[in-house]
Amino acid sequence: MDKFPLWADHIIAFLYGIAIPLYAAYKRPKELSGKHFESHQKKQIYINNSLSLLVMAIVVFLAWVIFRRPLAALGFKQVSNISDWWWLIAIFMTLYITDTVTAIVSKENFEKNFSAIDSKTPFMPTKRQELPLYFLMCFSAAVFEEIIFRGFLVTYCIYLFSGFKDPYLWAVIIPAIVFSIAHYYQGIKAVFKIFILSLLFGYIFIRSESLWLVIILHFVVDAAAGVLTFKYMREEKEIPG
């Protein structure tokens, strides 16, 4: 891809790769830890997060359109050579399912995990009427975060570190670090898990040359977290709101 990265890409990379993740890591724990949100507040969080991610993704799209870059270079193309790297998906699913089952089967782990959810991510859905907007946020996160962290940042790092011995390694590790730091409000244990899953997202994106599979996997992970929270932390009395 000619003329990449340009000055605009460096600005976007600074904002999305340093400034915003560090701000989120510093600010969100104070905004969320120990708080209790009513249904209408949760719904507003879901809407606000979806809109924020949409705006961030639009910025990336504008850079692509203005500089006349092919959308295929951002990952909007058909998945390729899946027979060569299907095992990456198998590893991802094995790790995710194992971690999920471990979290809910053991009583000790169950109580610890859902206690952490209640204190660190109190915006998770606990009422049926919260689920539609929560799933909207999951969809927004899956599409827009993958455009930002995989489509843009991985591609940016590949070009930025092209003179290094293994630019693809850096292109996977750095966005994974950034993505996990942005989720620091979920706790250190969650940051480590997100980092591992993000590494796999990065490798799947590079090997598939497409965003479609990582978008699907991302949505499944976020949506499943909401469904499990609703199932096990569901409030007995649901008041419309």
C-alpha atoms as a PDB file:
ATOM      1  CA  MET A   1       0.000   0.000   0.000  1.00  0.00           C
ATOM      2  CA  ASP A   2       1.573   3.283  -1.153  1.00  0.00           C
ATOM      3  CA  LYS A   3       2.022   6.294   1.127  1.00  0.00           C
ATOM      4  CA  PHE A   4       1.283   4.509   4.368  1.00  0.00           C
ATOM      5  CA  PRO A   5       1.629   5.451   7.134  1.00  0.00           C
ATOM      6  CA  LEU A   6       1.201   9.199   6.648  1.00  0.00           C
ATOM      7  CA  TRP A   7       1.020  12.010   9.223  1.00  0.00           C
ATOM      8  CA  ALA A   8      -2.703  11.375   9.759  1.00  0.00           C
ATOM      9  CA  ASP A   9      -2.020   7.710  10.521  1.00  0.00           C
ATOM     10  CA  HIS A  10       0.590   8.638  13.120  1.00  0.00           C
ATOM     11  CA  ILE A  11      -1.913  10.934  14.839  1.00  0.00           C
ATOM     12  CA  ILE A  12      -4.603   8.219  14.818  1.00  0.00           C
ATOM     13  CA  ALA A  13      -2.092   5.655  16.099  1.00  0.00           C
ATOM     14  CA  PHE A  14      -1.079   7.985  18.940  1.00  0.00           C
ATOM     15  CA  LEU A  15      -4.690   8.622  19.919  1.00  0.00           C
ATOM     16  CA  TYR A  16      -5.879   5.004  19.671  1.00  0.00           C
ATOM     17  CA  GLY A  17      -2.624   3.323  20.646  1.00  0.00           C
ATOM     18  CA  ILE A  18      -1.532   5.513  23.575  1.00  0.00           C
ATOM     19  CA  ALA A  19      -3.726   8.433  24.638  1.00  0.00           C
ATOM     20  CA  ILE A  20      -7.214   6.885  24.740  1.00  0.00           C
ATOM     21  CA  PRO A  21      -6.183   3.474  26.220  1.00  0.00           C
ATOM     22  CA  LEU A  22      -4.166   5.171  28.995  1.00  0.00           C
ATOM     23  CA  TYR A  23      -7.031   7.564  29.686  1.00  0.00           C
ATOM     24  CA  ALA A  24      -9.462   4.648  29.860  1.00  0.00           C
ATOM     25  CA  ALA A  25      -7.129   2.690  32.157  1.00  0.00           C
ATOM     26  CA  TYR A  26      -6.895   5.682  34.510  1.00  0.00           C
ATOM     27  CA  LYS A  27     -10.451   7.011  34.364  1.00  0.00           C
ATOM     28  CA  ARG A  28     -12.768   3.997  34.067  1.00  0.00           C
ATOM     29  CA  PRO A  29     -11.861   2.254  37.355  1.00  0.00           C
ATOM     30  CA  LYS A  30     -12.861   5.439  39.197  1.00  0.00           C
ATOM     31  CA  GLU A  31     -16.101   5.699  37.244  1.00  0.00           C
ATOM     32  CA  LEU A  32     -17.115   2.051  37.659  1.00  0.00           C
ATOM     33  CA  SER A  33     -15.554   0.452  40.724  1.00  0.00           C
ATOM     34  CA  GLY A  34     -18.080  -0.208  43.458  1.00  0.00           C
ATOM     35  CA  LYS A  35     -20.861   1.671  41.674  1.00  0.00           C
ATOM     36  CA  HIS A  36     -24.429   0.502  41.170  1.00  0.00           C
ATOM     37  CA  PHE A  37     -26.255   1.396  37.969  1.00  0.00           C
ATOM     38  CA  GLU A  38     -29.972   1.372  37.403  1.00  0.00           C
ATOM     39  CA  SER A  39     -31.368  -0.022  34.141  1.00  0.00           C
ATOM     40  CA  HIS A  40     -31.695   3.362  32.452  1.00  0.00           C
ATOM     41  CA  GLN A  41     -28.077   4.180  33.373  1.00  0.00           C
ATOM     42  CA  LYS A  42     -26.818   0.885  31.945  1.00  0.00           C
ATOM     43  CA  LYS A  43     -28.736   1.463  28.731  1.00  0.00           C
ATOM     44  CA  GLN A  44     -27.191   4.920  28.424  1.00  0.00           C
ATOM     45  CA  ILE A  45     -23.729   3.406  28.926  1.00  0.00           C
ATOM     46  CA  TYR A  46     -24.411   0.894  26.147  1.00  0.00           C
ATOM     47  CA  ILE A  47     -25.554   3.652  23.784  1.00  0.00           C
ATOM     48  CA  ASN A  48     -22.686   6.008  24.670  1.00  0.00           C
ATOM     49  CA  ASN A  49     -20.048   3.299  24.234  1.00  0.00           C
ATOM     50  CA  SER A  50     -21.524   2.259  20.892  1.00  0.00           C
ATOM     51  CA  LEU A  51     -21.518   5.841  19.620  1.00  0.00           C
ATOM     52  CA  SER A  52     -17.970   6.488  20.867  1.00  0.00           C
ATOM     53  CA  LEU A  53     -16.652   3.404  19.086  1.00  0.00           C
ATOM     54  CA  LEU A  54     -18.565   4.355  15.935  1.00  0.00           C
ATOM     55  CA  VAL A  55     -16.915   7.795  15.890  1.00  0.00           C
ATOM     56  CA  MET A  56     -13.465   6.258  16.388  1.00  0.00           C
ATOM     57  CA  ALA A  57     -14.013   3.810  13.526  1.00  0.00           C
ATOM     58  CA  ILE A  58     -15.320   6.592  11.256  1.00  0.00           C
ATOM     59  CA  VAL A  59     -12.042   8.457  11.760  1.00  0.00           C
ATOM     60  CA  VAL A  60     -10.140   5.411  10.472  1.00  0.00           C
ATOM     61  CA  PHE A  61     -12.536   5.056   7.530  1.00  0.00           C
ATOM     62  CA  LEU A  62     -12.152   8.733   6.640  1.00  0.00           C
ATOM     63  CA  ALA A  63      -8.368   8.365   6.544  1.00  0.00           C
ATOM     64  CA  TRP A  64      -8.775   5.365   4.239  1.00  0.00           C
ATOM     65  CA  VAL A  65     -11.207   7.164   1.930  1.00  0.00           C
ATOM     66  CA  ILE A  66      -9.352  10.487   1.849  1.00  0.00           C
ATOM     67  CA  PHE A  67      -6.057   8.817   0.941  1.00  0.00           C
ATOM     68  CA  ARG A  68      -7.811   6.447  -1.505  1.00  0.00           C
ATOM     69  CA  ARG A  69      -6.771   3.201   0.110  1.00  0.00           C
ATOM     70  CA  PRO A  70      -8.480  -0.098  -0.682  1.00  0.00           C
ATOM     71  CA  LEU A  71     -10.824  -1.345   2.042  1.00  0.00           C
ATOM     72  CA  ALA A  72      -9.288  -4.779   1.517  1.00  0.00           C
ATOM     73  CA  ALA A  73      -6.101  -3.402   3.124  1.00  0.00           C
ATOM     74  CA  LEU A  74      -8.179  -2.672   6.237  1.00  0.00           C
ATOM     75  CA  GLY A  75      -9.428  -6.255   6.362  1.00  0.00           C
ATOM     76  CA  PHE A  76     -12.683  -6.010   4.441  1.00  0.00           C
ATOM     77  CA  LYS A  77     -12.122  -8.960   2.165  1.00  0.00           C
ATOM     78  CA  GLN A  78     -12.907 -12.643   1.985  1.00  0.00           C
ATOM     79  CA  VAL A  79     -11.182 -14.960   4.462  1.00  0.00           C
ATOM     80  CA  SER A  80      -8.240 -16.705   2.823  1.00  0.00           C
ATOM     81  CA  ASN A  81      -6.279 -19.928   3.366  1.00  0.00           C
ATOM     82  CA  ILE A  82      -8.306 -21.092   6.361  1.00  0.00           C
ATOM     83  CA  SER A  83      -7.006 -24.650   5.897  1.00  0.00           C
ATOM     84  CA  ASP A  84      -3.519 -23.375   6.854  1.00  0.00           C
ATOM     85  CA  TRP A  85      -4.451 -21.713  10.131  1.00  0.00           C
ATOM     86  CA  TRP A  86      -7.740 -23.235  11.348  1.00  0.00           C
ATOM     87  CA  TRP A  87      -5.861 -24.420  14.435  1.00  0.00           C
ATOM     88  CA  LEU A  88      -5.659 -20.787  15.650  1.00  0.00           C
ATOM     89  CA  ILE A  89      -9.452 -20.731  15.921  1.00  0.00           C
ATOM     90  CA  ALA A  90      -9.352 -24.107  17.671  1.00  0.00           C
ATOM     91  CA  ILE A  91      -6.842 -22.769  20.226  1.00  0.00           C
ATOM     92  CA  PHE A  92      -8.937 -19.655  20.760  1.00  0.00           C
ATOM     93  CA  MET A  93     -12.153 -21.599  21.314  1.00  0.00           C
ATOM     94  CA  THR A  94     -10.434 -24.142  23.582  1.00  0.00           C
ATOM     95  CA  LEU A  95      -8.954 -21.428  25.795  1.00  0.00           C
ATOM     96  CA  TYR A  96     -12.175 -19.452  25.945  1.00  0.00           C
ATOM     97  CA  ILE A  97     -14.456 -22.420  26.662  1.00  0.00           C
ATOM     98  CA  THR A  98     -12.049 -23.835  29.270  1.00  0.00           C
ATOM     99  CA  ASP A  99     -11.833 -20.499  31.072  1.00  0.00           C
ATOM    100  CA  THR A 100     -15.629 -20.032  30.971  1.00  0.00           C
ATOM    101  CA  VAL A 101     -16.395 -23.526  32.237  1.00  0.00           C
ATOM    102  CA  THR A 102     -13.795 -23.181  35.008  1.00  0.00           C
ATOM    103  CA  ALA A 103     -15.360 -19.879  36.045  1.00  0.00           C
ATOM    104  CA  ILE A 104     -18.853 -21.304  36.556  1.00  0.00           C
ATOM    105  CA  VAL A 105     -18.290 -24.952  37.573  1.00  0.00           C
ATOM    106  CA  SER A 106     -16.207 -24.390  40.703  1.00  0.00           C
ATOM    107  CA  LYS A 107     -18.236 -22.720  43.466  1.00  0.00           C
ATOM    108  CA  GLU A 108     -15.187 -20.803  44.692  1.00  0.00           C
ATOM    109  CA  ASN A 109     -14.313 -19.559  41.205  1.00  0.00           C
ATOM    110  CA  PHE A 110     -17.957 -18.810  40.488  1.00  0.00           C
ATOM    111  CA  GLU A 111     -18.345 -16.561  43.517  1.00  0.00           C
ATOM    112  CA  LYS A 112     -14.991 -14.879  42.916  1.00  0.00           C
ATOM    113  CA  ASN A 113     -15.672 -14.176  39.232  1.00  0.00           C
ATOM    114  CA  PHE A 114     -19.162 -12.816  39.662  1.00  0.00           C
ATOM    115  CA  SER A 115     -18.097 -10.772  42.659  1.00  0.00           C
ATOM    116  CA  ALA A 116     -15.457  -9.185  40.411  1.00  0.00           C
ATOM    117  CA  ILE A 117     -18.083  -8.522  37.735  1.00  0.00           C
ATOM    118  CA  ASP A 118     -20.340  -6.850  40.266  1.00  0.00           C
ATOM    119  CA  SER A 119     -17.577  -4.569  41.575  1.00  0.00           C
ATOM    120  CA  LYS A 120     -15.522  -3.830  38.428  1.00  0.00           C
ATOM    121  CA  THR A 121     -18.113  -3.978  35.632  1.00  0.00           C
ATOM    122  CA  PRO A 122     -21.427  -3.062  37.265  1.00  0.00           C
ATOM    123  CA  PHE A 123     -22.882  -2.113  33.874  1.00  0.00           C
ATOM    124  CA  MET A 124     -23.324  -5.760  32.841  1.00  0.00           C
ATOM    125  CA  PRO A 125     -26.965  -6.749  32.146  1.00  0.00           C
ATOM    126  CA  THR A 126     -28.996  -8.211  34.992  1.00  0.00           C
ATOM    127  CA  LYS A 127     -32.467  -7.491  33.593  1.00  0.00           C
ATOM    128  CA  ARG A 128     -34.064  -8.767  30.395  1.00  0.00           C
ATOM    129  CA  GLN A 129     -34.860  -5.288  29.102  1.00  0.00           C
ATOM    130  CA  GLU A 130     -31.156  -4.398  29.228  1.00  0.00           C
ATOM    131  CA  LEU A 131     -30.125  -7.166  26.835  1.00  0.00           C
ATOM    132  CA  PRO A 132     -31.074  -5.621  23.436  1.00  0.00           C
ATOM    133  CA  LEU A 133     -28.943  -2.500  23.959  1.00  0.00           C
ATOM    134  CA  TYR A 134     -26.199  -4.601  25.546  1.00  0.00           C
ATOM    135  CA  PHE A 135     -26.082  -6.741  22.395  1.00  0.00           C
ATOM    136  CA  LEU A 136     -25.963  -3.535  20.342  1.00  0.00           C
ATOM    137  CA  MET A 137     -22.878  -2.534  22.314  1.00  0.00           C
ATOM    138  CA  CYS A 138     -21.387  -6.018  21.749  1.00  0.00           C
ATOM    139  CA  PHE A 139     -21.963  -5.648  18.008  1.00  0.00           C
ATOM    140  CA  SER A 140     -20.442  -2.157  18.018  1.00  0.00           C
ATOM    141  CA  ALA A 141     -17.416  -3.322  19.992  1.00  0.00           C
ATOM    142  CA  ALA A 142     -16.901  -6.335  17.731  1.00  0.00           C
ATOM    143  CA  VAL A 143     -17.057  -4.330  14.504  1.00  0.00           C
ATOM    144  CA  PHE A 144     -15.531  -1.002  15.478  1.00  0.00           C
ATOM    145  CA  GLU A 145     -12.848  -2.204  17.906  1.00  0.00           C
ATOM    146  CA  GLU A 146     -11.645  -4.764  15.373  1.00  0.00           C
ATOM    147  CA  ILE A 147     -11.456  -2.066  12.703  1.00  0.00           C
ATOM    148  CA  ILE A 148      -9.397   0.052  15.103  1.00  0.00           C
ATOM    149  CA  PHE A 149      -7.183  -2.477  16.885  1.00  0.00           C
ATOM    150  CA  ARG A 150      -6.738  -5.130  14.212  1.00  0.00           C
ATOM    151  CA  GLY A 151      -7.595  -3.519  10.883  1.00  0.00           C
ATOM    152  CA  PHE A 152      -5.782  -0.255  11.560  1.00  0.00           C
ATOM    153  CA  LEU A 153      -3.256  -0.803  14.372  1.00  0.00           C
ATOM    154  CA  VAL A 154      -2.015  -4.216  13.225  1.00  0.00           C
ATOM    155  CA  THR A 155      -1.622  -2.920   9.657  1.00  0.00           C
ATOM    156  CA  TYR A 156       0.031   0.258  10.944  1.00  0.00           C
ATOM    157  CA  CYS A 157       2.540  -1.727  13.025  1.00  0.00           C
ATOM    158  CA  ILE A 158       3.378  -4.045  10.116  1.00  0.00           C
ATOM    159  CA  TYR A 159       4.420  -1.031   8.047  1.00  0.00           C
ATOM    160  CA  LEU A 160       5.979   0.860  10.966  1.00  0.00           C
ATOM    161  CA  PHE A 161       8.218  -2.078  11.941  1.00  0.00           C
ATOM    162  CA  SER A 162       8.906  -3.235   8.388  1.00  0.00           C
ATOM    163  CA  GLY A 163      12.647  -2.739   8.952  1.00  0.00           C
ATOM    164  CA  PHE A 164      12.681  -4.997  12.007  1.00  0.00           C
ATOM    165  CA  LYS A 165      13.463  -8.706  11.976  1.00  0.00           C
ATOM    166  CA  ASP A 166       9.862  -9.824  12.494  1.00  0.00           C
ATOM    167  CA  PRO A 167       7.398  -6.953  11.928  1.00  0.00           C
ATOM    168  CA  TYR A 168       4.420  -9.312  12.153  1.00  0.00           C
ATOM    169  CA  LEU A 169       5.351 -10.279  15.701  1.00  0.00           C
ATOM    170  CA  TRP A 170       5.381  -6.625  16.773  1.00  0.00           C
ATOM    171  CA  ALA A 171       2.186  -6.029  14.824  1.00  0.00           C
ATOM    172  CA  VAL A 172       0.445  -8.661  16.941  1.00  0.00           C
ATOM    173  CA  ILE A 173       1.982  -7.871  20.335  1.00  0.00           C
ATOM    174  CA  ILE A 174       1.642  -4.071  20.411  1.00  0.00           C
ATOM    175  CA  PRO A 175      -2.099  -3.862  19.555  1.00  0.00           C
ATOM    176  CA  ALA A 176      -2.734  -6.697  22.025  1.00  0.00           C
ATOM    177  CA  ILE A 177      -0.979  -4.716  24.778  1.00  0.00           C
ATOM    178  CA  VAL A 178      -2.924  -1.576  23.877  1.00  0.00           C
ATOM    179  CA  PHE A 179      -6.249  -3.431  23.777  1.00  0.00           C
ATOM    180  CA  SER A 180      -5.667  -5.118  27.134  1.00  0.00           C
ATOM    181  CA  ILE A 181      -4.566  -1.856  28.805  1.00  0.00           C
ATOM    182  CA  ALA A 182      -7.795  -0.228  27.600  1.00  0.00           C
ATOM    183  CA  HIS A 183      -9.648  -2.916  29.604  1.00  0.00           C
ATOM    184  CA  TYR A 184      -7.604  -2.408  32.778  1.00  0.00           C
ATOM    185  CA  TYR A 185     -10.766  -1.419  34.643  1.00  0.00           C
ATOM    186  CA  GLN A 186     -11.766  -5.105  34.574  1.00  0.00           C
ATOM    187  CA  GLY A 187      -8.780  -6.035  36.766  1.00  0.00           C
ATOM    188  CA  ILE A 188      -5.304  -7.484  36.258  1.00  0.00           C
ATOM    189  CA  LYS A 189      -6.548 -11.044  35.736  1.00  0.00           C
ATOM    190  CA  ALA A 190      -8.922  -9.879  32.997  1.00  0.00           C
ATOM    191  CA  VAL A 191      -6.139  -7.830  31.381  1.00  0.00           C
ATOM    192  CA  PHE A 192      -3.970 -10.952  31.104  1.00  0.00           C
ATOM    193  CA  LYS A 193      -6.829 -12.979  29.570  1.00  0.00           C
ATOM    194  CA  ILE A 194      -7.686 -10.199  27.135  1.00  0.00           C
ATOM    195  CA  PHE A 195      -4.022  -9.924  26.136  1.00  0.00           C
ATOM    196  CA  ILE A 196      -3.850 -13.645  25.268  1.00  0.00           C
ATOM    197  CA  LEU A 197      -7.118 -13.535  23.309  1.00  0.00           C
ATOM    198  CA  SER A 198      -5.960 -10.357  21.545  1.00  0.00           C
ATOM    199  CA  LEU A 199      -2.744 -12.073  20.457  1.00  0.00           C
ATOM    200  CA  LEU A 200      -4.854 -14.780  18.847  1.00  0.00           C
ATOM    201  CA  PHE A 201      -7.118 -12.158  17.250  1.00  0.00           C
ATOM    202  CA  GLY A 202      -4.039 -10.511  15.757  1.00  0.00           C
ATOM    203  CA  TYR A 203      -2.648 -13.746  14.348  1.00  0.00           C
ATOM    204  CA  ILE A 204      -6.039 -14.769  12.959  1.00  0.00           C
ATOM    205  CA  PHE A 205      -6.381 -11.361  11.286  1.00  0.00           C
ATOM    206  CA  ILE A 206      -2.926 -11.569   9.723  1.00  0.00           C
ATOM    207  CA  ARG A 207      -3.317 -15.160   8.541  1.00  0.00           C
ATOM    208  CA  SER A 208      -6.865 -14.705   7.238  1.00  0.00           C
ATOM    209  CA  GLU A 209      -6.180 -11.217   5.831  1.00  0.00           C
ATOM    210  CA  SER A 210      -9.740 -10.447   6.895  1.00  0.00           C
ATOM    211  CA  LEU A 211     -11.660  -8.879   9.782  1.00  0.00           C
ATOM    212  CA  TRP A 212     -14.754 -11.044   9.459  1.00  0.00           C
ATOM    213  CA  LEU A 213     -13.715 -13.947  11.681  1.00  0.00           C
ATOM    214  CA  VAL A 214     -12.252 -11.781  14.452  1.00  0.00           C
ATOM    215  CA  ILE A 215     -15.422  -9.668  14.420  1.00  0.00           C
ATOM    216  CA  ILE A 216     -17.533 -12.802  14.881  1.00  0.00           C
ATOM    217  CA  LEU A 217     -15.294 -14.184  17.650  1.00  0.00           C
ATOM    218  CA  HIS A 218     -15.219 -10.825  19.410  1.00  0.00           C
ATOM    219  CA  PHE A 219     -19.012 -10.581  19.360  1.00  0.00           C
ATOM    220  CA  VAL A 220     -19.405 -14.132  20.674  1.00  0.00           C
ATOM    221  CA  VAL A 221     -17.062 -13.463  23.613  1.00  0.00           C
ATOM    222  CA  ASP A 222     -18.754 -10.199  24.643  1.00  0.00           C
ATOM    223  CA  ALA A 223     -22.303 -11.469  24.103  1.00  0.00           C
ATOM    224  CA  ALA A 224     -21.621 -14.689  26.027  1.00  0.00           C
ATOM    225  CA  ALA A 225     -20.289 -12.662  28.969  1.00  0.00           C
ATOM    226  CA  GLY A 226     -23.529 -10.698  29.049  1.00  0.00           C
ATOM    227  CA  VAL A 227     -25.718 -13.794  28.777  1.00  0.00           C
ATOM    228  CA  LEU A 228     -23.840 -15.535  31.611  1.00  0.00           C
ATOM    229  CA  THR A 229     -24.053 -12.429  33.798  1.00  0.00           C
ATOM    230  CA  PHE A 230     -27.782 -12.175  33.130  1.00  0.00           C
ATOM    231  CA  LYS A 231     -28.274 -15.879  33.839  1.00  0.00           C
ATOM    232  CA  TYR A 232     -26.382 -15.994  37.136  1.00  0.00           C
ATOM    233  CA  MET A 233     -26.869 -12.445  38.438  1.00  0.00           C
ATOM    234  CA  ARG A 234     -30.402 -11.852  37.195  1.00  0.00           C
ATOM    235  CA  GLU A 235     -32.400  -9.575  39.454  1.00  0.00           C
ATOM    236  CA  GLU A 236     -35.509 -11.241  40.808  1.00  0.00           C
ATOM    237  CA  LYS A 237     -37.829  -8.317  40.258  1.00  0.00           C
ATOM    238  CA  GLU A 238     -37.520  -6.620  36.929  1.00  0.00           C
ATOM    239  CA  ILE A 239     -38.895  -3.096  36.905  1.00  0.00           C
ATOM    240  CA  PRO A 240     -39.368  -1.456  33.485  1.00  0.00           C
ATOM    241  CA  GLY A 241     -36.809   1.226  32.928  1.00  0.00           C
END
